[in-house]
Amino acid sequence: MKNTHDLLEKHTASRTKCLVYTRVMGYHRPVESFNVGKKGEHQQRTHFKELLHGSSC
């Protein structure tokens, strides 16, 4: 874990903010705008991962 922290600190100047959007009631909203409870709910979700035929991922 220390290596990851060191790597992030080393490249702080070149990092940019990434907005994560999710679909809510038929339209897309940034997760950043959610209240505390909704953010917690979003973190607990399991994300769908589609496996492609013939893929080893």
N, C-alpha and C. Protein backbone atom coordinates (compact mmCIF):
# COMPACT_ATOMS: atom_id res chain seq x y z
N MET A 1 0.84 -1.20 0.00
CA MET A 1 0.00 0.00 0.00
C MET A 1 0.87 1.25 0.00
N LYS A 2 2.01 1.20 0.66
CA LYS A 2 2.89 2.36 0.70
C LYS A 2 3.38 2.73 -0.69
N ASN A 3 3.65 1.74 -1.54
CA ASN A 3 4.10 2.00 -2.90
C ASN A 3 3.05 2.76 -3.70
N THR A 4 1.79 2.41 -3.54
CA THR A 4 0.71 3.10 -4.23
C THR A 4 0.63 4.55 -3.78
N HIS A 5 0.73 4.77 -2.48
CA HIS A 5 0.69 6.12 -1.93
C HIS A 5 1.85 6.96 -2.46
N ASP A 6 3.03 6.37 -2.48
CA ASP A 6 4.22 7.08 -2.99
C ASP A 6 4.04 7.43 -4.46
N LEU A 7 3.49 6.50 -5.23
CA LEU A 7 3.27 6.72 -6.66
C LEU A 7 2.28 7.86 -6.89
N LEU A 8 1.20 7.88 -6.10
CA LEU A 8 0.21 8.95 -6.23
C LEU A 8 0.80 10.31 -5.86
N GLU A 9 1.58 10.33 -4.81
CA GLU A 9 2.21 11.58 -4.38
C GLU A 9 3.20 12.09 -5.43
N LYS A 10 3.91 11.18 -6.04
CA LYS A 10 4.91 11.55 -7.04
C LYS A 10 4.27 12.20 -8.26
N HIS A 11 3.09 11.75 -8.65
CA HIS A 11 2.44 12.22 -9.87
C HIS A 11 1.24 13.14 -9.61
N THR A 12 1.18 13.77 -8.46
CA THR A 12 0.06 14.64 -8.09
C THR A 12 -0.16 15.76 -9.09
N ALA A 13 0.89 16.36 -9.59
CA ALA A 13 0.78 17.50 -10.50
C ALA A 13 0.16 17.11 -11.84
N SER A 14 0.35 15.88 -12.28
CA SER A 14 -0.15 15.47 -13.59
C SER A 14 -1.52 14.80 -13.52
N ARG A 15 -2.08 14.63 -12.32
CA ARG A 15 -3.38 13.97 -12.17
C ARG A 15 -4.51 14.97 -12.45
N THR A 16 -5.62 14.46 -12.95
CA THR A 16 -6.81 15.28 -13.18
C THR A 16 -8.02 14.62 -12.52
N LYS A 17 -9.02 15.41 -12.26
CA LYS A 17 -10.23 14.91 -11.63
C LYS A 17 -11.05 14.12 -12.64
N CYS A 18 -11.58 13.01 -12.22
CA CYS A 18 -12.40 12.16 -13.07
C CYS A 18 -13.82 12.16 -12.51
N LEU A 19 -14.78 12.56 -13.32
CA LEU A 19 -16.17 12.54 -12.89
C LEU A 19 -16.79 11.19 -13.23
N VAL A 20 -17.47 10.61 -12.26
CA VAL A 20 -18.15 9.33 -12.45
C VAL A 20 -19.64 9.62 -12.52
N TYR A 21 -20.27 9.15 -13.60
CA TYR A 21 -21.70 9.34 -13.79
C TYR A 21 -22.41 8.01 -13.62
N THR A 22 -23.64 8.06 -13.15
CA THR A 22 -24.48 6.88 -13.05
C THR A 22 -25.87 7.23 -13.54
N ARG A 23 -26.58 6.23 -13.98
CA ARG A 23 -27.93 6.46 -14.50
C ARG A 23 -28.92 6.42 -13.35
N VAL A 24 -29.69 7.49 -13.20
CA VAL A 24 -30.69 7.60 -12.14
C VAL A 24 -32.01 8.02 -12.77
N MET A 25 -33.01 7.19 -12.62
CA MET A 25 -34.36 7.52 -13.11
C MET A 25 -34.37 7.94 -14.58
N GLY A 26 -33.59 7.24 -15.40
CA GLY A 26 -33.62 7.49 -16.83
C GLY A 26 -32.68 8.56 -17.35
N TYR A 27 -31.91 9.19 -16.50
CA TYR A 27 -30.94 10.18 -16.98
C TYR A 27 -29.65 10.02 -16.19
N HIS A 28 -28.58 10.60 -16.67
CA HIS A 28 -27.26 10.44 -16.05
C HIS A 28 -26.95 11.61 -15.12
N ARG A 29 -26.42 11.28 -13.94
CA ARG A 29 -26.04 12.29 -12.95
C ARG A 29 -24.66 11.97 -12.41
N PRO A 30 -23.88 12.99 -12.08
CA PRO A 30 -22.57 12.72 -11.48
C PRO A 30 -22.73 12.22 -10.04
N VAL A 31 -21.98 11.20 -9.69
CA VAL A 31 -22.03 10.64 -8.33
C VAL A 31 -21.62 11.69 -7.32
N GLU A 32 -20.77 12.62 -7.72
CA GLU A 32 -20.29 13.70 -6.86
C GLU A 32 -21.44 14.51 -6.26
N SER A 33 -22.57 14.61 -6.98
CA SER A 33 -23.69 15.44 -6.51
C SER A 33 -24.62 14.69 -5.55
N PHE A 34 -24.37 13.40 -5.31
CA PHE A 34 -25.23 12.62 -4.41
C PHE A 34 -25.04 13.04 -2.96
N ASN A 35 -26.07 12.81 -2.14
CA ASN A 35 -25.92 13.03 -0.71
C ASN A 35 -25.15 11.86 -0.09
N VAL A 36 -24.81 11.94 1.18
CA VAL A 36 -23.96 10.95 1.84
C VAL A 36 -24.54 9.54 1.74
N GLY A 37 -25.83 9.40 1.97
CA GLY A 37 -26.46 8.08 1.93
C GLY A 37 -26.43 7.47 0.55
N LYS A 38 -26.71 8.27 -0.45
CA LYS A 38 -26.72 7.78 -1.83
C LYS A 38 -25.30 7.41 -2.28
N LYS A 39 -24.28 8.18 -1.85
CA LYS A 39 -22.89 7.84 -2.18
C LYS A 39 -22.52 6.49 -1.58
N GLY A 40 -22.93 6.26 -0.35
CA GLY A 40 -22.66 4.97 0.30
C GLY A 40 -23.33 3.83 -0.43
N GLU A 41 -24.57 4.05 -0.85
CA GLU A 41 -25.30 3.04 -1.61
C GLU A 41 -24.59 2.75 -2.93
N HIS A 42 -24.12 3.77 -3.59
CA HIS A 42 -23.42 3.60 -4.88
C HIS A 42 -22.13 2.79 -4.69
N GLN A 43 -21.40 3.02 -3.60
CA GLN A 43 -20.15 2.29 -3.35
C GLN A 43 -20.41 0.81 -3.09
N GLN A 44 -21.57 0.46 -2.56
CA GLN A 44 -21.88 -0.93 -2.25
C GLN A 44 -22.39 -1.71 -3.46
N ARG A 45 -22.70 -1.06 -4.53
CA ARG A 45 -23.22 -1.74 -5.72
C ARG A 45 -22.17 -2.65 -6.33
N THR A 46 -22.64 -3.73 -6.91
CA THR A 46 -21.74 -4.59 -7.68
C THR A 46 -21.92 -4.22 -9.14
N HIS A 47 -20.82 -4.09 -9.84
CA HIS A 47 -20.85 -3.66 -11.23
C HIS A 47 -20.84 -4.86 -12.16
N PHE A 48 -21.61 -4.78 -13.21
CA PHE A 48 -21.72 -5.83 -14.20
C PHE A 48 -20.45 -5.87 -15.05
N LYS A 49 -19.88 -7.06 -15.23
CA LYS A 49 -18.71 -7.24 -16.08
C LYS A 49 -19.05 -8.27 -17.13
N GLU A 50 -19.08 -7.84 -18.37
CA GLU A 50 -19.40 -8.75 -19.46
C GLU A 50 -18.13 -9.44 -19.95
N LEU A 51 -18.18 -10.75 -20.03
CA LEU A 51 -17.05 -11.50 -20.55
C LEU A 51 -17.29 -11.74 -22.04
N LEU A 52 -16.32 -11.38 -22.84
CA LEU A 52 -16.42 -11.60 -24.26
C LEU A 52 -16.04 -13.04 -24.58
N HIS A 53 -16.69 -13.63 -25.56
CA HIS A 53 -16.38 -15.00 -25.96
C HIS A 53 -14.94 -15.07 -26.46
N GLY A 54 -14.20 -16.02 -25.96
CA GLY A 54 -12.80 -16.20 -26.38
C GLY A 54 -11.84 -15.29 -25.64
N SER A 55 -12.34 -14.52 -24.70
CA SER A 55 -11.48 -13.61 -23.95
C SER A 55 -11.04 -14.28 -22.66
N SER A 56 -9.84 -14.03 -22.24
CA SER A 56 -9.32 -14.61 -21.00
C SER A 56 -9.39 -13.63 -19.84
N CYS A 57 -10.12 -12.53 -19.97
CA CYS A 57 -10.21 -11.51 -18.91
C CYS A 57 -11.03 -11.97 -17.76
